[in-house]
Amino acid sequence: MKKRKSNHNFVWKINDEIVEVVDKFKYLGVTFSYNGSMKHAVDVLNQQALRAFNHLLSLFYRVKMDVKTKLTMFDTLVVPILLYCSDVWGVYNHKDIDKLHLKYCKTILGV
């Protein structure tokens, strides 16, 4: 990753220890970027939710369930991953989140 140019000349300290200035950091599983962009964090959550989605689909191919049960399982097992920390990044417009939900509905309903 290319380092960004720092245009400050001050040093952050906590208890007389210098705090390193970084481009991004992870807190409670969410990656925060120096510029406030949440794109990377949302992309990671989307990938994790997609893996859960694919595991769920493989289960549905092996076990017959009604549509209501499938939708309940999606809401229980995939949506919490997909919307993790959405109170922070939810103010931004991320189309990938909607795409996964629509893909699931189309797959389940056979549209």
C-alpha atoms as a PDB file:
ATOM      1  CA  MET A   1       0.000   0.000   0.000  1.00  0.00           C
ATOM      2  CA  LYS A   2       1.304   3.411  -0.905  1.00  0.00           C
ATOM      3  CA  LYS A   3       1.883   5.628   2.095  1.00  0.00           C
ATOM      4  CA  ARG A   4       0.030   8.899   2.070  1.00  0.00           C
ATOM      5  CA  LYS A   5       1.944  12.072   2.628  1.00  0.00           C
ATOM      6  CA  SER A   6       1.624  13.472   6.086  1.00  0.00           C
ATOM      7  CA  ASN A   7       1.239  17.221   6.239  1.00  0.00           C
ATOM      8  CA  HIS A   8       1.367  17.587   9.992  1.00  0.00           C
ATOM      9  CA  ASN A   9       4.276  18.120  12.320  1.00  0.00           C
ATOM     10  CA  PHE A  10       2.798  17.071  15.642  1.00  0.00           C
ATOM     11  CA  VAL A  11       3.122  13.854  17.635  1.00  0.00           C
ATOM     12  CA  TRP A  12       0.259  12.056  19.379  1.00  0.00           C
ATOM     13  CA  LYS A  13       1.088  10.655  22.812  1.00  0.00           C
ATOM     14  CA  ILE A  14      -0.765   8.592  25.379  1.00  0.00           C
ATOM     15  CA  ASN A  15       0.948   8.152  28.750  1.00  0.00           C
ATOM     16  CA  ASP A  16       4.168   9.476  27.197  1.00  0.00           C
ATOM     17  CA  GLU A  17       4.084   6.792  24.473  1.00  0.00           C
ATOM     18  CA  ILE A  18       4.035   7.919  20.862  1.00  0.00           C
ATOM     19  CA  VAL A  19       0.950   6.769  18.957  1.00  0.00           C
ATOM     20  CA  GLU A  20       1.698   5.657  15.412  1.00  0.00           C
ATOM     21  CA  VAL A  21      -0.230   7.389  12.628  1.00  0.00           C
ATOM     22  CA  VAL A  22      -1.681   4.736  10.302  1.00  0.00           C
ATOM     23  CA  ASP A  23      -3.793   4.681   7.145  1.00  0.00           C
ATOM     24  CA  LYS A  24      -6.314   2.217   8.568  1.00  0.00           C
ATOM     25  CA  PHE A  25      -7.029   0.241  11.712  1.00  0.00           C
ATOM     26  CA  LYS A  26      -9.436  -2.481  12.776  1.00  0.00           C
ATOM     27  CA  TYR A  27     -11.726  -2.005  15.755  1.00  0.00           C
ATOM     28  CA  LEU A  28     -14.270  -4.655  16.780  1.00  0.00           C
ATOM     29  CA  GLY A  29     -13.864  -6.316  13.393  1.00  0.00           C
ATOM     30  CA  VAL A  30     -14.477  -3.190  11.336  1.00  0.00           C
ATOM     31  CA  THR A  31     -11.690  -1.526   9.365  1.00  0.00           C
ATOM     32  CA  PHE A  32     -11.612   2.249   9.639  1.00  0.00           C
ATOM     33  CA  SER A  33      -9.689   4.284   7.070  1.00  0.00           C
ATOM     34  CA  TYR A  34      -7.836   7.556   7.594  1.00  0.00           C
ATOM     35  CA  ASN A  35     -10.161   9.335   5.167  1.00  0.00           C
ATOM     36  CA  GLY A  36     -13.387   8.088   6.773  1.00  0.00           C
ATOM     37  CA  SER A  37     -14.317   5.814   3.879  1.00  0.00           C
ATOM     38  CA  MET A  38     -16.135   2.672   4.959  1.00  0.00           C
ATOM     39  CA  LYS A  39     -15.890   0.977   1.551  1.00  0.00           C
ATOM     40  CA  HIS A  40     -13.246  -1.538   2.644  1.00  0.00           C
ATOM     41  CA  ALA A  41     -15.225  -2.473   5.767  1.00  0.00           C
ATOM     42  CA  VAL A  42     -18.441  -2.947   3.790  1.00  0.00           C
ATOM     43  CA  ASP A  43     -16.615  -5.006   1.150  1.00  0.00           C
ATOM     44  CA  VAL A  44     -15.248  -7.340   3.838  1.00  0.00           C
ATOM     45  CA  LEU A  45     -18.672  -7.728   5.446  1.00  0.00           C
ATOM     46  CA  ASN A  46     -20.211  -8.391   2.048  1.00  0.00           C
ATOM     47  CA  GLN A  47     -17.640 -11.132   1.356  1.00  0.00           C
ATOM     48  CA  GLN A  48     -18.303 -12.749   4.732  1.00  0.00           C
ATOM     49  CA  ALA A  49     -22.063 -12.605   4.169  1.00  0.00           C
ATOM     50  CA  LEU A  50     -21.603 -14.078   0.688  1.00  0.00           C
ATOM     51  CA  ARG A  51     -19.752 -17.064   2.192  1.00  0.00           C
ATOM     52  CA  ALA A  52     -22.593 -17.589   4.687  1.00  0.00           C
ATOM     53  CA  PHE A  53     -25.065 -17.206   1.802  1.00  0.00           C
ATOM     54  CA  ASN A  54     -23.289 -19.902  -0.227  1.00  0.00           C
ATOM     55  CA  HIS A  55     -23.209 -22.291   2.749  1.00  0.00           C
ATOM     56  CA  LEU A  56     -26.911 -21.728   3.206  1.00  0.00           C
ATOM     57  CA  LEU A  57     -27.599 -22.433  -0.468  1.00  0.00           C
ATOM     58  CA  SER A  58     -25.629 -25.673  -0.282  1.00  0.00           C
ATOM     59  CA  LEU A  59     -27.813 -26.703   2.662  1.00  0.00           C
ATOM     60  CA  PHE A  60     -30.956 -25.942   0.684  1.00  0.00           C
ATOM     61  CA  TYR A  61     -29.801 -28.200  -2.162  1.00  0.00           C
ATOM     62  CA  ARG A  62     -29.445 -31.091   0.296  1.00  0.00           C
ATOM     63  CA  VAL A  63     -32.489 -30.481   2.521  1.00  0.00           C
ATOM     64  CA  LYS A  64     -35.961 -29.553   1.291  1.00  0.00           C
ATOM     65  CA  MET A  65     -37.498 -26.573   3.114  1.00  0.00           C
ATOM     66  CA  ASP A  66     -40.377 -24.236   2.455  1.00  0.00           C
ATOM     67  CA  VAL A  67     -39.744 -20.655   1.343  1.00  0.00           C
ATOM     68  CA  LYS A  68     -40.712 -19.141   4.694  1.00  0.00           C
ATOM     69  CA  THR A  69     -38.092 -21.251   6.511  1.00  0.00           C
ATOM     70  CA  LYS A  70     -35.440 -20.344   3.939  1.00  0.00           C
ATOM     71  CA  LEU A  71     -36.163 -16.641   4.334  1.00  0.00           C
ATOM     72  CA  THR A  72     -36.093 -16.962   8.122  1.00  0.00           C
ATOM     73  CA  MET A  73     -32.725 -18.715   7.946  1.00  0.00           C
ATOM     74  CA  PHE A  74     -31.358 -15.957   5.708  1.00  0.00           C
ATOM     75  CA  ASP A  75     -32.597 -13.300   8.126  1.00  0.00           C
ATOM     76  CA  THR A  76     -31.058 -15.196  11.042  1.00  0.00           C
ATOM     77  CA  LEU A  77     -27.716 -16.322   9.585  1.00  0.00           C
ATOM     78  CA  VAL A  78     -26.739 -13.873   6.807  1.00  0.00           C
ATOM     79  CA  VAL A  79     -28.369 -10.525   7.565  1.00  0.00           C
ATOM     80  CA  PRO A  80     -26.548 -10.015  10.910  1.00  0.00           C
ATOM     81  CA  ILE A  81     -23.216 -10.425   9.096  1.00  0.00           C
ATOM     82  CA  LEU A  82     -24.314  -8.186   6.255  1.00  0.00           C
ATOM     83  CA  LEU A  83     -25.521  -5.395   8.531  1.00  0.00           C
ATOM     84  CA  TYR A  84     -22.818  -5.600  11.197  1.00  0.00           C
ATOM     85  CA  CYS A  85     -21.925  -2.077  12.335  1.00  0.00           C
ATOM     86  CA  SER A  86     -24.373  -0.587   9.836  1.00  0.00           C
ATOM     87  CA  ASP A  87     -25.136   2.205  12.268  1.00  0.00           C
ATOM     88  CA  VAL A  88     -21.641   3.487  11.402  1.00  0.00           C
ATOM     89  CA  TRP A  89     -21.413   2.820   7.662  1.00  0.00           C
ATOM     90  CA  GLY A  90     -25.149   2.834   6.889  1.00  0.00           C
ATOM     91  CA  VAL A  91     -25.204   6.550   6.124  1.00  0.00           C
ATOM     92  CA  TYR A  92     -23.238   5.819   2.937  1.00  0.00           C
ATOM     93  CA  ASN A  93     -24.778   4.371  -0.195  1.00  0.00           C
ATOM     94  CA  HIS A  94     -23.507   0.792  -0.652  1.00  0.00           C
ATOM     95  CA  LYS A  95     -25.270  -1.040  -3.481  1.00  0.00           C
ATOM     96  CA  ASP A  96     -23.499  -4.390  -2.853  1.00  0.00           C
ATOM     97  CA  ILE A  97     -25.534  -4.975   0.298  1.00  0.00           C
ATOM     98  CA  ASP A  98     -28.796  -4.726  -1.637  1.00  0.00           C
ATOM     99  CA  LYS A  99     -27.448  -6.908  -4.447  1.00  0.00           C
ATOM    100  CA  LEU A 100     -26.785  -9.861  -2.144  1.00  0.00           C
ATOM    101  CA  HIS A 101     -30.254  -9.660  -0.632  1.00  0.00           C
ATOM    102  CA  LEU A 102     -31.896  -9.476  -4.053  1.00  0.00           C
ATOM    103  CA  LYS A 103     -29.751 -12.356  -5.318  1.00  0.00           C
ATOM    104  CA  TYR A 104     -30.894 -14.495  -2.404  1.00  0.00           C
ATOM    105  CA  CYS A 105     -34.571 -13.662  -2.933  1.00  0.00           C
ATOM    106  CA  LYS A 106     -34.305 -14.456  -6.660  1.00  0.00           C
ATOM    107  CA  THR A 107     -32.584 -17.762  -5.907  1.00  0.00           C
ATOM    108  CA  ILE A 108     -35.096 -18.833  -3.283  1.00  0.00           C
ATOM    109  CA  LEU A 109     -38.159 -17.776  -5.251  1.00  0.00           C
ATOM    110  CA  GLY A 110     -36.778 -19.100  -8.531  1.00  0.00           C
ATOM    111  CA  VAL A 111     -37.245 -15.808 -10.355  1.00  0.00           C
END
